[in-house]
Amino acid sequence: MKYFYFVILFANFLVAEEIYNNIPMNSIIFIEDSSYHNKRVDDIQSSSDLMKYKAPGKSLMLSGIMPGLGQAYTGNWLRALAFMGLDLAALATWKLNNDKAEEKKKEYSLYASEHWDFGRWIQDYYKWYEYKDNDPEWNSIREIFINRSDSTSGCAQDPSSDQCYVDIWDHSHKVEFTYNKQVVSSSSDDFRDIFQDLCNNNNSWDTFCSNEAIDLKDDNNDSIFVIKDHHFFEGIQKYDMFFAGWDDNDSIQVVTKQHGDKNATSNNQKFYRNLWNDYNEIKTLAGNGGKFMLFNRAISMVDALLLTKKWNKKHDLKLSLHTYPDLRNRYGIGSLQLVIHLK
């Protein structure tokens, strides 16, 4: 965002330069008043009235560069200071909150690395796979990880069946990681075979890992690295499919929301979620600061334009621009005539 204004301004200069270079300015500027009718501007450059004229385009451009400069150009210093002060306050809000957000990002990233593990997620994902008769507490936990909307397999009617527990590779949300020098997704077809290899299972349909611990190595004996981007850090606090990766998943808690959905959580996940929410709130404040800078700049430009017109009206100055066509020019303009009317 910090380069946005300069890009817009630079683009405007390029367009202006292109037009200037392609349209002949051979009619020069003329002055009209009661005593100097159609007299060339070269002959009356000493006119005090002419020196009073304020260009609306210039005031607009100045406020586009820095809110308040257009007001200063017309001599309205109090309004100029007000716009400049608001812009500096918005800039400080944007900068300070962005810095705070980066610190909070480091904090939640470190906490996630300490308490959420990819190998544990694979190892413990099917921990609640079994349906237990006469154990409603256990089954209420298991219910979080099943697909109750699947009416074809009868899960909507009887969620106790094994096939109702959603397989780790059947989710739309995913974890991406490196494997055999490629980036692989946990929601891809390849992950089923990778799960079997990492768990040392005999069959691809086996759910529980045969290994007591997951060695995060690929077929080349290279370490597996998880792609920890924004979606990863968001997902491990938001979606139940990632809950098994938390180091306190044995202390699972079931939370029922107002609309009836049930979610799994734990103390460590709650703490991480609070860090994540703090980060989002700070980023929102930073974004509001940036939006206010744009808003303040737009208001300053409009205000500067109106003040310039007011200035020229007060000093009985009027500017008119006449164009003369020329079809040989790609802009269709042969020349321009700028006329300043003095009363």
Protein backbone atom coordinates (compact mmCIF):
# COMPACT_ATOMS: atom_id res chain seq x y z
CA MET A 1 0.00 0.00 0.00
CA LYS A 2 2.89 2.37 0.76
CA TYR A 3 3.80 2.46 -2.96
CA PHE A 4 0.23 2.84 -4.19
CA TYR A 5 0.12 6.63 -4.26
CA PHE A 6 3.44 6.95 -6.05
CA VAL A 7 2.34 4.47 -8.73
CA ILE A 8 -0.85 6.43 -9.41
CA LEU A 9 1.02 9.75 -9.51
CA PHE A 10 3.70 8.35 -11.81
CA ALA A 11 1.05 7.00 -14.18
CA ASN A 12 -0.58 10.43 -14.33
CA PHE A 13 2.73 12.07 -15.21
CA LEU A 14 3.31 9.50 -17.99
CA VAL A 15 -0.09 10.20 -19.54
CA ALA A 16 0.42 13.96 -19.30
CA GLU A 17 3.86 13.73 -20.86
CA GLU A 18 2.57 11.55 -23.71
CA ILE A 19 -0.18 14.03 -24.55
CA TYR A 20 2.17 17.00 -24.25
CA ASN A 21 4.66 15.43 -26.65
CA ASN A 22 2.00 14.60 -29.25
CA ILE A 23 -0.19 17.72 -29.28
CA PRO A 24 1.25 20.96 -30.73
CA MET A 25 0.97 23.89 -28.33
CA ASN A 26 1.36 26.40 -31.14
CA SER A 27 -1.52 28.68 -30.24
CA ILE A 28 0.19 29.91 -27.05
CA ILE A 29 -1.77 31.40 -24.16
CA PHE A 30 -4.06 34.38 -24.57
CA ILE A 31 -5.39 36.87 -22.08
CA GLU A 32 -8.82 38.45 -22.29
CA ASP A 33 -9.95 41.49 -20.33
CA SER A 34 -11.53 44.90 -20.96
CA SER A 35 -8.24 46.55 -21.79
CA TYR A 36 -6.14 43.69 -23.21
CA HIS A 37 -8.23 41.83 -25.74
CA ASN A 38 -6.47 38.79 -27.25
CA LYS A 39 -3.11 40.14 -26.16
CA ARG A 40 -0.30 37.59 -25.97
CA VAL A 41 0.75 36.55 -22.49
CA ASP A 42 4.39 37.39 -23.29
CA ASP A 43 3.43 41.06 -23.36
CA ILE A 44 1.72 41.17 -19.96
CA GLN A 45 3.73 38.78 -17.77
CA SER A 46 4.06 41.59 -15.26
CA SER A 47 0.32 41.68 -14.69
CA SER A 48 -0.36 41.31 -10.96
CA ASP A 49 -3.77 39.82 -11.71
CA LEU A 50 -2.20 37.05 -13.77
CA MET A 51 0.17 36.15 -10.96
CA LYS A 52 -2.82 35.66 -8.66
CA TYR A 53 -4.25 32.83 -10.75
CA LYS A 54 -4.27 29.37 -9.06
CA ALA A 55 -4.29 26.29 -11.29
CA PRO A 56 -6.95 23.75 -10.18
CA GLY A 57 -4.96 20.88 -11.66
CA LYS A 58 -1.91 21.88 -9.66
CA SER A 59 -3.81 22.02 -6.37
CA LEU A 60 -5.38 18.65 -7.16
CA MET A 61 -1.98 17.12 -7.87
CA LEU A 62 -0.39 18.61 -4.75
CA SER A 63 -3.08 17.15 -2.49
CA GLY A 64 -2.66 13.84 -4.31
CA ILE A 65 1.01 13.86 -3.38
CA MET A 66 0.40 14.92 0.22
CA PRO A 67 -2.96 15.85 1.76
CA GLY A 68 -2.90 19.52 2.70
CA LEU A 69 -0.45 20.73 0.05
CA GLY A 70 -3.29 21.82 -2.20
CA GLN A 71 -4.77 23.81 0.68
CA ALA A 72 -1.38 25.39 1.38
CA TYR A 73 -1.14 26.34 -2.29
CA THR A 74 -4.30 28.45 -1.92
CA GLY A 75 -3.14 29.92 1.40
CA ASN A 76 -5.51 27.94 3.65
CA TRP A 77 -2.87 26.93 6.19
CA LEU A 78 -5.20 25.78 8.97
CA ARG A 79 -6.94 23.34 6.65
CA ALA A 80 -3.59 22.29 5.27
CA LEU A 81 -2.30 21.48 8.75
CA ALA A 82 -5.53 19.61 9.56
CA PHE A 83 -5.26 17.36 6.48
CA MET A 84 -1.54 16.79 7.06
CA GLY A 85 -2.14 15.96 10.71
CA LEU A 86 -4.86 13.44 9.86
CA ASP A 87 -2.64 11.83 7.24
CA LEU A 88 0.27 11.52 9.67
CA ALA A 89 -2.05 10.05 12.33
CA ALA A 90 -3.39 7.49 9.84
CA LEU A 91 0.15 6.67 8.69
CA ALA A 92 1.25 6.17 12.29
CA THR A 93 -1.76 3.92 12.93
CA TRP A 94 -0.93 1.85 9.87
CA LYS A 95 2.78 1.57 10.68
CA LEU A 96 2.54 0.91 14.43
CA ASN A 97 -0.19 -1.72 14.09
CA ASN A 98 1.61 -3.44 11.24
CA ASP A 99 4.70 -3.68 13.44
CA LYS A 100 2.61 -5.04 16.32
CA ALA A 101 0.97 -7.54 13.96
CA GLU A 102 4.37 -8.82 12.83
CA GLU A 103 5.38 -9.37 16.46
CA LYS A 104 2.11 -11.19 17.15
CA LYS A 105 2.65 -13.28 14.01
CA LYS A 106 6.06 -14.38 15.30
CA GLU A 107 4.44 -15.23 18.62
CA TYR A 108 1.66 -17.43 17.21
CA SER A 109 4.02 -19.04 14.69
CA LEU A 110 6.46 -20.04 17.45
CA TYR A 111 3.63 -21.34 19.63
CA ALA A 112 2.25 -23.44 16.76
CA SER A 113 5.69 -24.91 16.06
CA GLU A 114 6.03 -25.89 19.71
CA HIS A 115 2.56 -27.42 20.19
CA TRP A 116 1.34 -28.66 16.79
CA ASP A 117 3.20 -31.42 14.96
CA PHE A 118 2.65 -32.91 11.50
CA GLY A 119 3.79 -36.37 12.60
CA ARG A 120 1.46 -36.32 15.60
CA TRP A 121 -1.40 -35.29 13.34
CA ILE A 122 -0.86 -38.37 11.17
CA GLN A 123 -0.26 -40.63 14.20
CA ASP A 124 -3.36 -39.56 16.14
CA TYR A 125 -5.83 -38.66 13.42
CA TYR A 126 -7.80 -41.93 13.78
CA LYS A 127 -7.62 -41.92 17.58
CA TRP A 128 -11.43 -41.52 17.86
CA TYR A 129 -12.25 -43.83 14.94
CA GLU A 130 -13.91 -46.58 16.98
CA TYR A 131 -17.55 -46.31 17.95
CA LYS A 132 -18.06 -47.52 21.56
CA ASP A 133 -21.39 -48.84 22.75
CA ASN A 134 -22.62 -47.48 26.07
CA ASP A 135 -19.98 -44.72 26.08
CA PRO A 136 -21.85 -41.54 25.14
CA GLU A 137 -18.96 -39.26 26.18
CA TRP A 138 -16.54 -41.00 23.82
CA ASN A 139 -19.09 -41.13 21.02
CA SER A 140 -19.84 -37.42 21.39
CA ILE A 141 -16.14 -36.76 20.70
CA ARG A 142 -16.15 -39.17 17.76
CA GLU A 143 -19.19 -37.40 16.34
CA ILE A 144 -17.06 -34.32 15.67
CA PHE A 145 -14.97 -36.20 13.08
CA ILE A 146 -17.72 -38.02 11.18
CA ASN A 147 -19.67 -37.06 8.06
CA ARG A 148 -23.27 -36.76 9.18
CA SER A 149 -24.36 -35.32 5.83
CA ASP A 150 -23.60 -38.55 3.95
CA SER A 151 -27.03 -40.07 3.41
CA THR A 152 -25.79 -42.47 0.71
CA SER A 153 -23.77 -44.51 3.19
CA GLY A 154 -26.36 -44.03 5.90
CA CYS A 155 -24.20 -41.74 8.06
CA ALA A 156 -26.99 -39.19 8.30
CA GLN A 157 -29.19 -41.89 9.84
CA ASP A 158 -26.58 -44.02 11.67
CA PRO A 159 -23.21 -42.32 12.25
CA SER A 160 -21.80 -45.29 14.18
CA SER A 161 -20.45 -47.02 11.05
CA ASP A 162 -16.72 -46.98 10.43
CA GLN A 163 -17.06 -45.42 6.98
CA CYS A 164 -18.69 -42.37 8.54
CA TYR A 165 -15.36 -41.29 10.07
CA VAL A 166 -13.88 -38.97 7.42
CA ASP A 167 -10.51 -40.22 6.16
CA ILE A 168 -7.58 -37.89 6.60
CA TRP A 169 -7.13 -37.48 2.83
CA ASP A 170 -10.82 -36.81 2.10
CA HIS A 171 -10.96 -33.25 3.42
CA SER A 172 -11.11 -30.15 1.23
CA HIS A 173 -8.75 -28.36 3.62
CA LYS A 174 -5.19 -29.58 3.52
CA VAL A 175 -1.61 -29.43 4.72
CA GLU A 176 1.08 -29.10 2.08
CA PHE A 177 4.52 -30.60 2.64
CA THR A 178 7.65 -31.70 0.79
CA TYR A 179 8.03 -35.35 -0.18
CA ASN A 180 10.53 -36.86 -2.64
CA LYS A 181 11.55 -33.36 -3.82
CA GLN A 182 7.94 -32.37 -4.57
CA VAL A 183 5.24 -30.42 -2.76
CA VAL A 184 2.40 -32.78 -1.85
CA SER A 185 -1.06 -32.02 -0.46
CA SER A 186 -2.74 -34.06 2.27
CA SER A 187 -5.96 -33.95 0.23
CA SER A 188 -4.34 -35.51 -2.88
CA ASP A 189 -4.54 -39.16 -3.96
CA ASP A 190 -0.79 -39.53 -3.32
CA PHE A 191 -1.28 -38.90 0.39
CA ARG A 192 -3.00 -42.25 0.92
CA ASP A 193 0.23 -44.06 -0.08
CA ILE A 194 2.38 -41.61 1.91
CA PHE A 195 0.23 -42.24 4.99
CA GLN A 196 0.75 -45.97 4.56
CA ASP A 197 4.53 -45.55 4.22
CA LEU A 198 4.91 -43.19 7.19
CA CYS A 199 2.75 -45.42 9.40
CA ASN A 200 4.43 -48.61 8.08
CA ASN A 201 1.00 -50.14 7.49
CA ASN A 202 0.52 -53.30 5.43
CA ASN A 203 -2.63 -52.11 3.69
CA SER A 204 -3.72 -48.74 2.34
CA TRP A 205 -7.07 -49.07 4.12
CA ASP A 206 -5.48 -49.47 7.58
CA THR A 207 -6.37 -46.53 9.77
CA PHE A 208 -4.17 -46.90 12.84
CA CYS A 209 -0.42 -46.40 12.45
CA SER A 210 1.72 -49.47 13.04
CA ASN A 211 4.64 -47.26 14.07
CA GLU A 212 4.52 -45.90 17.57
CA ALA A 213 6.14 -42.71 16.32
CA ILE A 214 6.26 -41.10 12.89
CA ASP A 215 9.70 -40.55 11.38
CA LEU A 216 9.23 -37.58 9.05
CA LYS A 217 11.50 -38.84 6.27
CA ASP A 218 10.61 -39.46 2.63
CA ASP A 219 11.76 -42.31 0.38
CA ASN A 220 15.08 -40.53 -0.17
CA ASN A 221 15.58 -40.25 3.59
CA ASP A 222 15.20 -36.47 3.32
CA SER A 223 13.33 -34.60 6.03
CA ILE A 224 9.71 -33.71 5.37
CA PHE A 225 8.98 -30.00 5.73
CA VAL A 226 5.49 -28.60 6.22
CA ILE A 227 4.61 -25.51 4.17
CA LYS A 228 3.59 -23.19 6.99
CA ASP A 229 1.84 -20.39 5.15
CA HIS A 230 -1.12 -18.22 6.20
CA HIS A 231 -3.65 -20.96 5.37
CA PHE A 232 -1.77 -23.47 7.52
CA PHE A 233 -1.68 -21.24 10.59
CA GLU A 234 -5.34 -20.37 10.13
CA GLY A 235 -6.42 -23.96 9.59
CA ILE A 236 -4.89 -25.55 12.69
CA GLN A 237 -6.97 -23.31 14.95
CA LYS A 238 -10.13 -23.36 12.87
CA TYR A 239 -10.82 -26.85 11.50
CA ASP A 240 -11.44 -30.01 13.54
CA MET A 241 -9.57 -32.17 11.01
CA PHE A 242 -6.28 -30.67 12.29
CA PHE A 243 -7.02 -31.10 15.99
CA ALA A 244 -5.07 -34.37 16.33
CA GLY A 245 -1.83 -32.47 15.73
CA TRP A 246 -2.01 -30.62 19.07
CA ASP A 247 0.18 -31.99 21.84
CA ASP A 248 -2.69 -31.97 24.37
CA ASN A 249 -5.26 -33.74 22.17
CA ASP A 250 -5.76 -36.24 25.00
CA SER A 251 -7.48 -33.39 26.87
CA ILE A 252 -10.00 -32.87 24.10
CA GLN A 253 -13.05 -30.76 24.92
CA VAL A 254 -16.31 -30.67 23.00
CA VAL A 255 -17.79 -27.23 22.42
CA THR A 256 -21.34 -26.86 21.12
CA LYS A 257 -22.00 -23.63 19.28
CA GLN A 258 -25.26 -21.71 19.12
CA HIS A 259 -26.32 -23.24 15.80
CA GLY A 260 -25.73 -26.75 17.17
CA ASP A 261 -22.39 -27.57 15.53
CA LYS A 262 -19.83 -29.30 17.73
CA ASN A 263 -16.12 -28.55 17.67
CA ALA A 264 -13.06 -30.06 19.28
CA THR A 265 -10.69 -27.90 21.31
CA SER A 266 -8.08 -28.02 24.04
CA ASN A 267 -6.26 -25.55 26.26
CA ASN A 268 -3.29 -25.20 23.93
CA GLN A 269 -5.50 -24.75 20.89
CA LYS A 270 -7.57 -22.14 22.76
CA PHE A 271 -4.44 -20.20 23.65
CA TYR A 272 -3.24 -20.34 20.05
CA ARG A 273 -6.66 -19.24 18.79
CA ASN A 274 -6.49 -16.20 21.07
CA LEU A 275 -3.07 -15.30 19.62
CA TRP A 276 -4.48 -15.67 16.13
CA ASN A 277 -7.52 -13.50 16.91
CA ASP A 278 -5.27 -10.83 18.47
CA TYR A 279 -3.22 -10.79 15.27
CA ASN A 280 -6.32 -10.38 13.09
CA GLU A 281 -7.63 -7.53 15.23
CA ILE A 282 -4.31 -5.68 15.01
CA LYS A 283 -4.13 -6.22 11.24
CA THR A 284 -7.66 -4.83 10.95
CA LEU A 285 -6.57 -1.67 12.78
CA ALA A 286 -3.59 -1.35 10.45
CA GLY A 287 -5.86 -1.79 7.44
CA ASN A 288 -8.23 0.88 8.75
CA GLY A 289 -5.30 3.27 9.00
CA GLY A 290 -4.43 2.60 5.37
CA LYS A 291 -8.03 3.05 4.25
CA PHE A 292 -8.26 6.36 6.11
CA MET A 293 -5.12 7.59 4.33
CA LEU A 294 -6.85 6.98 0.99
CA PHE A 295 -10.07 8.60 2.21
CA ASN A 296 -8.24 11.63 3.62
CA ARG A 297 -6.28 12.04 0.38
CA ALA A 298 -9.45 11.93 -1.73
CA ILE A 299 -11.22 14.49 0.48
CA SER A 300 -8.15 16.75 0.45
CA MET A 301 -8.00 16.65 -3.36
CA VAL A 302 -11.67 17.59 -3.74
CA ASP A 303 -11.38 20.30 -1.09
CA ALA A 304 -8.26 21.74 -2.72
CA LEU A 305 -10.02 21.87 -6.08
CA LEU A 306 -13.00 23.74 -4.61
CA LEU A 307 -10.72 26.13 -2.72
CA THR A 308 -8.82 26.89 -5.93
CA LYS A 309 -12.00 27.70 -7.80
CA LYS A 310 -13.11 29.85 -4.88
CA TRP A 311 -9.77 31.68 -4.94
CA ASN A 312 -10.01 32.45 -8.67
CA LYS A 313 -13.63 33.55 -8.33
CA LYS A 314 -12.69 35.86 -5.49
CA HIS A 315 -9.99 37.45 -7.64
CA ASP A 316 -12.25 37.59 -10.74
CA LEU A 317 -10.16 35.09 -12.66
CA LYS A 318 -11.53 32.50 -15.06
CA LEU A 319 -9.70 29.90 -17.08
CA SER A 320 -10.96 28.29 -20.28
CA LEU A 321 -9.30 25.71 -22.51
CA HIS A 322 -10.17 25.42 -26.19
CA THR A 323 -9.20 22.47 -28.34
CA TYR A 324 -8.86 22.39 -32.12
CA PRO A 325 -9.27 19.08 -33.94
CA ASP A 326 -6.71 17.46 -36.20
CA LEU A 327 -7.52 13.99 -37.52
CA ARG A 328 -3.87 13.37 -38.34
CA ASN A 329 -3.09 13.29 -34.63
CA ARG A 330 -3.98 10.03 -32.90
CA TYR A 331 -5.59 12.00 -30.06
CA GLY A 332 -7.70 13.95 -32.58
CA ILE A 333 -6.42 17.24 -31.14
CA GLY A 334 -4.36 19.60 -33.27
CA SER A 335 -3.70 22.34 -30.75
CA LEU A 336 -4.81 23.83 -27.45
CA GLN A 337 -5.63 27.43 -26.56
CA LEU A 338 -5.58 28.49 -22.91
CA VAL A 339 -7.46 31.69 -22.16
CA ILE A 340 -7.45 33.56 -18.84
CA HIS A 341 -10.34 35.99 -18.44
CA LEU A 342 -9.66 39.03 -16.24
CA LYS A 343 -12.35 41.46 -15.14
